[in-house]
């Protein structure tokens, strides 16, 4: 929640995750819809801190004993940003 961004919708304020935190959640969930969302987010937010995403996805991959999560992230990054 500390990293959440505040979005003013006029009558109320909504907290939303940073793009990096949303990417982390989507990569870890690893559902087909999440995979599409990851590609879209990577394409639309080129300034996203991919190093932070890699770090946390790597940590979750280790804890969950799912090294393929980090490998999959790298594939998604390459697809969305061929030169990253």
PDB file of N, CA and C in Angstrom:
ATOM      1  N   UNK A   1       0.823  -1.190   0.000  1.00  0.00           N
ATOM      2  CA  UNK A   1       0.000   0.000   0.000  1.00  0.00           C
ATOM      3  C   UNK A   1       0.868   1.255   0.000  1.00  0.00           C
ATOM      4  N   UNK A   2       2.064   1.168   0.558  1.00  0.00           N
ATOM      5  CA  UNK A   2       2.927   2.352   0.593  1.00  0.00           C
ATOM      6  C   UNK A   2       3.297   2.826  -0.805  1.00  0.00           C
ATOM      7  N   UNK A   3       3.418   1.900  -1.742  1.00  0.00           N
ATOM      8  CA  UNK A   3       3.794   2.270  -3.104  1.00  0.00           C
ATOM      9  C   UNK A   3       2.588   2.574  -3.988  1.00  0.00           C
ATOM     10  N   UNK A   4       1.390   2.408  -3.463  1.00  0.00           N
ATOM     11  CA  UNK A   4       0.183   2.654  -4.258  1.00  0.00           C
ATOM     12  C   UNK A   4       0.121   4.110  -4.692  1.00  0.00           C
ATOM     13  N   UNK A   5      -0.404   4.295  -5.883  1.00  0.00           N
ATOM     14  CA  UNK A   5      -0.602   5.640  -6.400  1.00  0.00           C
ATOM     15  C   UNK A   5      -2.052   6.034  -6.162  1.00  0.00           C
ATOM     16  N   UNK A   6      -2.263   7.310  -5.901  1.00  0.00           N
ATOM     17  CA  UNK A   6      -3.623   7.794  -5.664  1.00  0.00           C
ATOM     18  C   UNK A   6      -4.206   8.325  -6.961  1.00  0.00           C
ATOM     19  N   UNK A   7      -5.394   7.859  -7.280  1.00  0.00           N
ATOM     20  CA  UNK A   7      -6.093   8.270  -8.488  1.00  0.00           C
ATOM     21  C   UNK A   7      -7.346   9.028  -8.070  1.00  0.00           C
ATOM     22  N   UNK A   8      -7.411  10.291  -8.441  1.00  0.00           N
ATOM     23  CA  UNK A   8      -8.542  11.144  -8.061  1.00  0.00           C
ATOM     24  C   UNK A   8      -9.658  10.959  -9.080  1.00  0.00           C
ATOM     25  N   UNK A   9     -10.772  10.390  -8.634  1.00  0.00           N
ATOM     26  CA  UNK A   9     -11.923  10.171  -9.507  1.00  0.00           C
ATOM     27  C   UNK A   9     -13.003  11.230  -9.296  1.00  0.00           C
ATOM     28  N   UNK A  10     -12.607  12.359  -8.764  1.00  0.00           N
ATOM     29  CA  UNK A  10     -13.543  13.443  -8.555  1.00  0.00           C
ATOM     30  C   UNK A  10     -14.208  13.400  -7.198  1.00  0.00           C
ATOM     31  N   UNK A  11     -15.095  12.438  -7.017  1.00  0.00           N
ATOM     32  CA  UNK A  11     -15.812  12.348  -5.745  1.00  0.00           C
ATOM     33  C   UNK A  11     -15.069  11.528  -4.695  1.00  0.00           C
ATOM     34  N   UNK A  12     -14.088  10.747  -5.121  1.00  0.00           N
ATOM     35  CA  UNK A  12     -13.312   9.980  -4.153  1.00  0.00           C
ATOM     36  C   UNK A  12     -11.944   9.641  -4.722  1.00  0.00           C
ATOM     37  N   UNK A  13     -11.055   9.231  -3.825  1.00  0.00           N
ATOM     38  CA  UNK A  13      -9.682   8.881  -4.152  1.00  0.00           C
ATOM     39  C   UNK A  13      -9.521   7.364  -4.108  1.00  0.00           C
ATOM     40  N   UNK A  14      -8.894   6.815  -5.124  1.00  0.00           N
ATOM     41  CA  UNK A  14      -8.689   5.368  -5.206  1.00  0.00           C
ATOM     42  C   UNK A  14      -7.188   5.096  -5.228  1.00  0.00           C
ATOM     43  N   UNK A  15      -6.769   4.101  -4.468  1.00  0.00           N
ATOM     44  CA  UNK A  15      -5.363   3.684  -4.501  1.00  0.00           C
ATOM     45  C   UNK A  15      -5.210   2.560  -5.530  1.00  0.00           C
ATOM     46  N   UNK A  16      -4.226   2.725  -6.400  1.00  0.00           N
ATOM     47  CA  UNK A  16      -3.958   1.713  -7.421  1.00  0.00           C
ATOM     48  C   UNK A  16      -2.486   1.325  -7.340  1.00  0.00           C
ATOM     49  N   UNK A  17      -2.162   0.090  -7.710  1.00  0.00           N
ATOM     50  CA  UNK A  17      -0.757  -0.321  -7.641  1.00  0.00           C
ATOM     51  C   UNK A  17       0.073   0.393  -8.703  1.00  0.00           C
ATOM     52  N   UNK A  18       1.348   0.550  -8.424  1.00  0.00           N
ATOM     53  CA  UNK A  18       2.263   1.086  -9.436  1.00  0.00           C
ATOM     54  C   UNK A  18       2.308   0.084 -10.587  1.00  0.00           C
ATOM     55  N   UNK A  19       2.750   0.546 -11.738  1.00  0.00           N
ATOM     56  CA  UNK A  19       2.819  -0.359 -12.884  1.00  0.00           C
ATOM     57  C   UNK A  19       3.767  -1.527 -12.589  1.00  0.00           C
ATOM     58  N   UNK A  20       4.851  -1.253 -11.874  1.00  0.00           N
ATOM     59  CA  UNK A  20       5.788  -2.329 -11.535  1.00  0.00           C
ATOM     60  C   UNK A  20       5.135  -3.370 -10.640  1.00  0.00           C
ATOM     61  N   UNK A  21       4.394  -2.918  -9.624  1.00  0.00           N
ATOM     62  CA  UNK A  21       3.733  -3.863  -8.724  1.00  0.00           C
ATOM     63  C   UNK A  21       2.646  -4.649  -9.438  1.00  0.00           C
ATOM     64  N   UNK A  22       1.947  -3.995 -10.352  1.00  0.00           N
ATOM     65  CA  UNK A  22       0.935  -4.698 -11.137  1.00  0.00           C
ATOM     66  C   UNK A  22       1.582  -5.753 -12.032  1.00  0.00           C
ATOM     67  N   UNK A  23       2.713  -5.413 -12.637  1.00  0.00           N
ATOM     68  CA  UNK A  23       3.442  -6.394 -13.453  1.00  0.00           C
ATOM     69  C   UNK A  23       3.859  -7.598 -12.606  1.00  0.00           C
ATOM     70  N   UNK A  24       4.366  -7.344 -11.415  1.00  0.00           N
ATOM     71  CA  UNK A  24       4.783  -8.435 -10.528  1.00  0.00           C
ATOM     72  C   UNK A  24       3.603  -9.356 -10.233  1.00  0.00           C
ATOM     73  N   UNK A  25       2.468  -8.762  -9.858  1.00  0.00           N
ATOM     74  CA  UNK A  25       1.280  -9.572  -9.542  1.00  0.00           C
ATOM     75  C   UNK A  25       0.831 -10.396 -10.743  1.00  0.00           C
ATOM     76  N   UNK A  26       0.864  -9.793 -11.917  1.00  0.00           N
ATOM     77  CA  UNK A  26       0.387 -10.479 -13.117  1.00  0.00           C
ATOM     78  C   UNK A  26       1.340 -11.606 -13.531  1.00  0.00           C
ATOM     79  N   UNK A  27       2.642 -11.371 -13.429  1.00  0.00           N
ATOM     80  CA  UNK A  27       3.607 -12.417 -13.791  1.00  0.00           C
ATOM     81  C   UNK A  27       3.476 -13.596 -12.834  1.00  0.00           C
ATOM     82  N   UNK A  28       3.329 -13.321 -11.548  1.00  0.00           N
ATOM     83  CA  UNK A  28       3.217 -14.398 -10.562  1.00  0.00           C
ATOM     84  C   UNK A  28       1.914 -15.170 -10.752  1.00  0.00           C
ATOM     85  N   UNK A  29       0.815 -14.486 -11.079  1.00  0.00           N
ATOM     86  CA  UNK A  29      -0.471 -15.171 -11.310  1.00  0.00           C
ATOM     87  C   UNK A  29      -0.377 -16.076 -12.531  1.00  0.00           C
ATOM     88  N   UNK A  30       0.301 -15.608 -13.572  1.00  0.00           N
ATOM     89  CA  UNK A  30       0.658 -16.406 -14.758  1.00  0.00           C
ATOM     90  C   UNK A  30      -0.533 -17.108 -15.436  1.00  0.00           C
ATOM     91  N   UNK A  31      -1.652 -16.401 -15.525  1.00  0.00           N
ATOM     92  CA  UNK A  31      -2.789 -16.925 -16.282  1.00  0.00           C
ATOM     93  C   UNK A  31      -2.724 -16.358 -17.699  1.00  0.00           C
ATOM     94  N   UNK A  32      -3.387 -16.974 -18.668  1.00  0.00           N
ATOM     95  CA  UNK A  32      -3.336 -16.460 -20.048  1.00  0.00           C
ATOM     96  C   UNK A  32      -3.707 -14.974 -20.147  1.00  0.00           C
ATOM     97  N   UNK A  33      -4.747 -14.538 -19.438  1.00  0.00           N
ATOM     98  CA  UNK A  33      -5.143 -13.127 -19.476  1.00  0.00           C
ATOM     99  C   UNK A  33      -4.042 -12.254 -18.882  1.00  0.00           C
ATOM    100  N   UNK A  34      -3.395 -12.737 -17.826  1.00  0.00           N
ATOM    101  CA  UNK A  34      -2.306 -11.975 -17.215  1.00  0.00           C
ATOM    102  C   UNK A  34      -1.133 -11.830 -18.169  1.00  0.00           C
ATOM    103  N   UNK A  35      -0.854 -12.878 -18.934  1.00  0.00           N
ATOM    104  CA  UNK A  35       0.242 -12.810 -19.904  1.00  0.00           C
ATOM    105  C   UNK A  35      -0.008 -11.712 -20.926  1.00  0.00           C
ATOM    106  N   UNK A  36      -1.222 -11.608 -21.403  1.00  0.00           N
ATOM    107  CA  UNK A  36      -1.577 -10.550 -22.350  1.00  0.00           C
ATOM    108  C   UNK A  36      -1.462  -9.180 -21.677  1.00  0.00           C
ATOM    109  N   UNK A  37      -1.920  -9.087 -20.434  1.00  0.00           N
ATOM    110  CA  UNK A  37      -1.823  -7.830 -19.691  1.00  0.00           C
ATOM    111  C   UNK A  37      -0.364  -7.411 -19.502  1.00  0.00           C
ATOM    112  N   UNK A  38       0.515  -8.362 -19.219  1.00  0.00           N
ATOM    113  CA  UNK A  38       1.940  -8.056 -19.038  1.00  0.00           C
ATOM    114  C   UNK A  38       2.512  -7.468 -20.322  1.00  0.00           C
ATOM    115  N   UNK A  39       2.219  -8.086 -21.445  1.00  0.00           N
ATOM    116  CA  UNK A  39       2.709  -7.554 -22.726  1.00  0.00           C
ATOM    117  C   UNK A  39       2.186  -6.140 -22.969  1.00  0.00           C
ATOM    118  N   UNK A  40       0.916  -5.919 -22.687  1.00  0.00           N
ATOM    119  CA  UNK A  40       0.313  -4.607 -22.886  1.00  0.00           C
ATOM    120  C   UNK A  40       0.950  -3.569 -21.971  1.00  0.00           C
ATOM    121  N   UNK A  41       1.104  -3.914 -20.697  1.00  0.00           N
ATOM    122  CA  UNK A  41       1.716  -2.981 -19.749  1.00  0.00           C
ATOM    123  C   UNK A  41       3.160  -2.654 -20.134  1.00  0.00           C
ATOM    124  N   UNK A  42       3.924  -3.663 -20.509  1.00  0.00           N
ATOM    125  CA  UNK A  42       5.312  -3.433 -20.912  1.00  0.00           C
ATOM    126  C   UNK A  42       5.390  -2.520 -22.129  1.00  0.00           C
ATOM    127  N   UNK A  43       4.456  -2.681 -23.047  1.00  0.00           N
ATOM    128  CA  UNK A  43       4.440  -1.861 -24.259  1.00  0.00           C
ATOM    129  C   UNK A  43       4.023  -0.420 -23.972  1.00  0.00           C
ATOM    130  N   UNK A  44       3.061  -0.246 -23.076  1.00  0.00           N
ATOM    131  CA  UNK A  44       2.512   1.085 -22.813  1.00  0.00           C
ATOM    132  C   UNK A  44       3.292   1.878 -21.758  1.00  0.00           C
ATOM    133  N   UNK A  45       4.116   1.209 -20.991  1.00  0.00           N
ATOM    134  CA  UNK A  45       4.875   1.886 -19.937  1.00  0.00           C
ATOM    135  C   UNK A  45       6.373   1.588 -20.103  1.00  0.00           C
ATOM    136  N   UNK A  46       6.994   2.174 -21.117  1.00  0.00           N
ATOM    137  CA  UNK A  46       8.412   1.878 -21.374  1.00  0.00           C
ATOM    138  C   UNK A  46       9.343   2.339 -20.259  1.00  0.00           C
ATOM    139  N   UNK A  47       8.896   3.260 -19.420  1.00  0.00           N
ATOM    140  CA  UNK A  47       9.743   3.739 -18.321  1.00  0.00           C
ATOM    141  C   UNK A  47       9.618   2.893 -17.058  1.00  0.00           C
ATOM    142  N   UNK A  48       8.799   1.839 -17.104  1.00  0.00           N
ATOM    143  CA  UNK A  48       8.633   0.972 -15.927  1.00  0.00           C
ATOM    144  C   UNK A  48       9.985   0.400 -15.513  1.00  0.00           C
ATOM    145  N   UNK A  49      10.191   0.295 -14.225  1.00  0.00           N
ATOM    146  CA  UNK A  49      11.449  -0.203 -13.664  1.00  0.00           C
ATOM    147  C   UNK A  49      11.474  -1.737 -13.740  1.00  0.00           C
ATOM    148  N   UNK A  50      11.981  -2.242 -14.848  1.00  0.00           N
ATOM    149  CA  UNK A  50      12.004  -3.693 -15.076  1.00  0.00           C
ATOM    150  C   UNK A  50      12.965  -4.379 -14.102  1.00  0.00           C
ATOM    151  N   UNK A  51      13.983  -3.679 -13.663  1.00  0.00           N
ATOM    152  CA  UNK A  51      14.892  -4.248 -12.667  1.00  0.00           C
ATOM    153  C   UNK A  51      14.156  -4.599 -11.383  1.00  0.00           C
ATOM    154  N   UNK A  52      13.270  -3.717 -10.941  1.00  0.00           N
ATOM    155  CA  UNK A  52      12.459  -3.991  -9.744  1.00  0.00           C
ATOM    156  C   UNK A  52      11.553  -5.190  -9.980  1.00  0.00           C
ATOM    157  N   UNK A  53      10.944  -5.238 -11.158  1.00  0.00           N
ATOM    158  CA  UNK A  53      10.045  -6.353 -11.499  1.00  0.00           C
ATOM    159  C   UNK A  53      10.837  -7.656 -11.507  1.00  0.00           C
ATOM    160  N   UNK A  54      12.005  -7.648 -12.132  1.00  0.00           N
ATOM    161  CA  UNK A  54      12.841  -8.857 -12.168  1.00  0.00           C
ATOM    162  C   UNK A  54      13.202  -9.318 -10.756  1.00  0.00           C
ATOM    163  N   UNK A  55      13.588  -8.365  -9.924  1.00  0.00           N
ATOM    164  CA  UNK A  55      13.982  -8.713  -8.554  1.00  0.00           C
ATOM    165  C   UNK A  55      12.847  -9.435  -7.822  1.00  0.00           C
ATOM    166  N   UNK A  56      11.661  -8.824  -7.832  1.00  0.00           N
ATOM    167  CA  UNK A  56      10.552  -9.395  -7.065  1.00  0.00           C
ATOM    168  C   UNK A  56       9.983 -10.654  -7.694  1.00  0.00           C
ATOM    169  N   UNK A  57       9.935 -10.728  -9.018  1.00  0.00           N
ATOM    170  CA  UNK A  57       9.484 -11.969  -9.653  1.00  0.00           C
ATOM    171  C   UNK A  57      10.480 -13.079  -9.331  1.00  0.00           C
ATOM    172  N   UNK A  58      11.774 -12.749  -9.331  1.00  0.00           N
ATOM    173  CA  UNK A  58      12.786 -13.735  -8.958  1.00  0.00           C
ATOM    174  C   UNK A  58      12.599 -14.225  -7.533  1.00  0.00           C
ATOM    175  N   UNK A  59      12.279 -13.316  -6.627  1.00  0.00           N
ATOM    176  CA  UNK A  59      12.054 -13.691  -5.221  1.00  0.00           C
ATOM    177  C   UNK A  59      10.836 -14.607  -5.104  1.00  0.00           C
ATOM    178  N   UNK A  60       9.744 -14.244  -5.781  1.00  0.00           N
ATOM    179  CA  UNK A  60       8.553 -15.098  -5.751  1.00  0.00           C
ATOM    180  C   UNK A  60       8.826 -16.446  -6.418  1.00  0.00           C
ATOM    181  N   UNK A  61       9.563 -16.435  -7.514  1.00  0.00           N
ATOM    182  CA  UNK A  61       9.881 -17.679  -8.218  1.00  0.00           C
ATOM    183  C   UNK A  61      10.639 -18.632  -7.302  1.00  0.00           C
ATOM    184  N   UNK A  62      11.555 -18.077  -6.525  1.00  0.00           N
ATOM    185  CA  UNK A  62      12.331 -18.904  -5.599  1.00  0.00           C
ATOM    186  C   UNK A  62      11.449 -19.443  -4.476  1.00  0.00           C
ATOM    187  N   UNK A  63      10.669 -18.578  -3.870  1.00  0.00           N
ATOM    188  CA  UNK A  63       9.800 -18.995  -2.755  1.00  0.00           C
ATOM    189  C   UNK A  63       8.781 -20.042  -3.212  1.00  0.00           C
ATOM    190  N   UNK A  64       8.235 -19.844  -4.405  1.00  0.00           N
ATOM    191  CA  UNK A  64       7.208 -20.749  -4.928  1.00  0.00           C
ATOM    192  C   UNK A  64       7.798 -21.968  -5.643  1.00  0.00           C
ATOM    193  N   UNK A  65       9.135 -22.005  -5.736  1.00  0.00           N
ATOM    194  CA  UNK A  65       9.827 -23.068  -6.461  1.00  0.00           C
ATOM    195  C   UNK A  65       9.304 -23.159  -7.896  1.00  0.00           C
ATOM    196  N   UNK A  66       9.205 -21.985  -8.536  1.00  0.00           N
ATOM    197  CA  UNK A  66       8.733 -21.891  -9.917  1.00  0.00           C
ATOM    198  C   UNK A  66       9.689 -21.011 -10.724  1.00  0.00           C
ATOM    199  N   UNK A  67      10.896 -21.506 -11.012  1.00  0.00           N
ATOM    200  CA  UNK A  67      11.875 -20.691 -11.738  1.00  0.00           C
ATOM    201  C   UNK A  67      11.381 -20.257 -13.113  1.00  0.00           C
ATOM    202  N   UNK A  68      10.395 -20.956 -13.621  1.00  0.00           N
ATOM    203  CA  UNK A  68       9.859 -20.599 -14.934  1.00  0.00           C
ATOM    204  C   UNK A  68       9.192 -19.224 -14.939  1.00  0.00           C
ATOM    205  N   UNK A  69       8.801 -18.715 -13.772  1.00  0.00           N
ATOM    206  CA  UNK A  69       8.194 -17.389 -13.713  1.00  0.00           C
ATOM    207  C   UNK A  69       9.170 -16.318 -14.195  1.00  0.00           C
ATOM    208  N   UNK A  70      10.402 -16.391 -13.741  1.00  0.00           N
ATOM    209  CA  UNK A  70      11.408 -15.415 -14.148  1.00  0.00           C
ATOM    210  C   UNK A  70      11.755 -15.595 -15.628  1.00  0.00           C
ATOM    211  N   UNK A  71      11.839 -16.830 -16.059  1.00  0.00           N
ATOM    212  CA  UNK A  71      12.111 -17.101 -17.476  1.00  0.00           C
ATOM    213  C   UNK A  71      10.990 -16.545 -18.345  1.00  0.00           C
ATOM    214  N   UNK A  72       9.767 -16.728 -17.899  1.00  0.00           N
ATOM    215  CA  UNK A  72       8.619 -16.233 -18.652  1.00  0.00           C
ATOM    216  C   UNK A  72       8.615 -14.703 -18.705  1.00  0.00           C
ATOM    217  N   UNK A  73       8.950 -14.062 -17.593  1.00  0.00           N
ATOM    218  CA  UNK A  73       9.051 -12.599 -17.588  1.00  0.00           C
ATOM    219  C   UNK A  73      10.054 -12.145 -18.641  1.00  0.00           C
ATOM    220  N   UNK A  74      11.204 -12.777 -18.681  1.00  0.00           N
ATOM    221  CA  UNK A  74      12.233 -12.386 -19.652  1.00  0.00           C
ATOM    222  C   UNK A  74      11.728 -12.537 -21.085  1.00  0.00           C
ATOM    223  N   UNK A  75      10.974 -13.602 -21.347  1.00  0.00           N
ATOM    224  CA  UNK A  75      10.392 -13.785 -22.686  1.00  0.00           C
ATOM    225  C   UNK A  75       9.411 -12.660 -22.997  1.00  0.00           C
ATOM    226  N   UNK A  76       8.596 -12.281 -22.021  1.00  0.00           N
ATOM    227  CA  UNK A  76       7.612 -11.215 -22.216  1.00  0.00           C
ATOM    228  C   UNK A  76       8.313  -9.873 -22.458  1.00  0.00           C
ATOM    229  N   UNK A  77       9.359  -9.598 -21.694  1.00  0.00           N
ATOM    230  CA  UNK A  77      10.119  -8.361 -21.876  1.00  0.00           C
ATOM    231  C   UNK A  77      10.700  -8.320 -23.282  1.00  0.00           C
ATOM    232  N   UNK A  78      11.269  -9.414 -23.723  1.00  0.00           N
ATOM    233  CA  UNK A  78      11.871  -9.470 -25.062  1.00  0.00           C
ATOM    234  C   UNK A  78      10.813  -9.266 -26.149  1.00  0.00           C
ATOM    235  N   UNK A  79       9.633  -9.855 -25.958  1.00  0.00           N
ATOM    236  CA  UNK A  79       8.557  -9.688 -26.939  1.00  0.00           C
ATOM    237  C   UNK A  79       8.055  -8.256 -26.982  1.00  0.00           C
ATOM    238  N   UNK A  80       7.900  -7.632 -25.814  1.00  0.00           N
ATOM    239  CA  UNK A  80       7.339  -6.284 -25.753  1.00  0.00           C
ATOM    240  C   UNK A  80       8.386  -5.205 -26.046  1.00  0.00           C
ATOM    241  N   UNK A  81       9.615  -5.500 -25.671  1.00  0.00           N
ATOM    242  CA  UNK A  81      10.719  -4.526 -25.823  1.00  0.00           C
ATOM    243  C   UNK A  81      11.947  -5.239 -26.360  1.00  0.00           C
ATOM    244  N   UNK A  82      12.002  -5.447 -27.644  1.00  0.00           N
ATOM    245  CA  UNK A  82      13.094  -6.236 -28.216  1.00  0.00           C
ATOM    246  C   UNK A  82      14.495  -5.795 -27.830  1.00  0.00           C
ATOM    247  N   UNK A  83      14.679  -4.536 -27.453  1.00  0.00           N
ATOM    248  CA  UNK A  83      16.044  -4.052 -27.146  1.00  0.00           C
ATOM    249  C   UNK A  83      16.297  -3.885 -25.666  1.00  0.00           C
ATOM    250  N   UNK A  84      15.411  -4.350 -24.759  1.00  0.00           N
ATOM    251  CA  UNK A  84      15.629  -4.189 -23.305  1.00  0.00           C
ATOM    252  C   UNK A  84      16.487  -5.286 -22.746  1.00  0.00           C
TER     253      UNK A  84
END
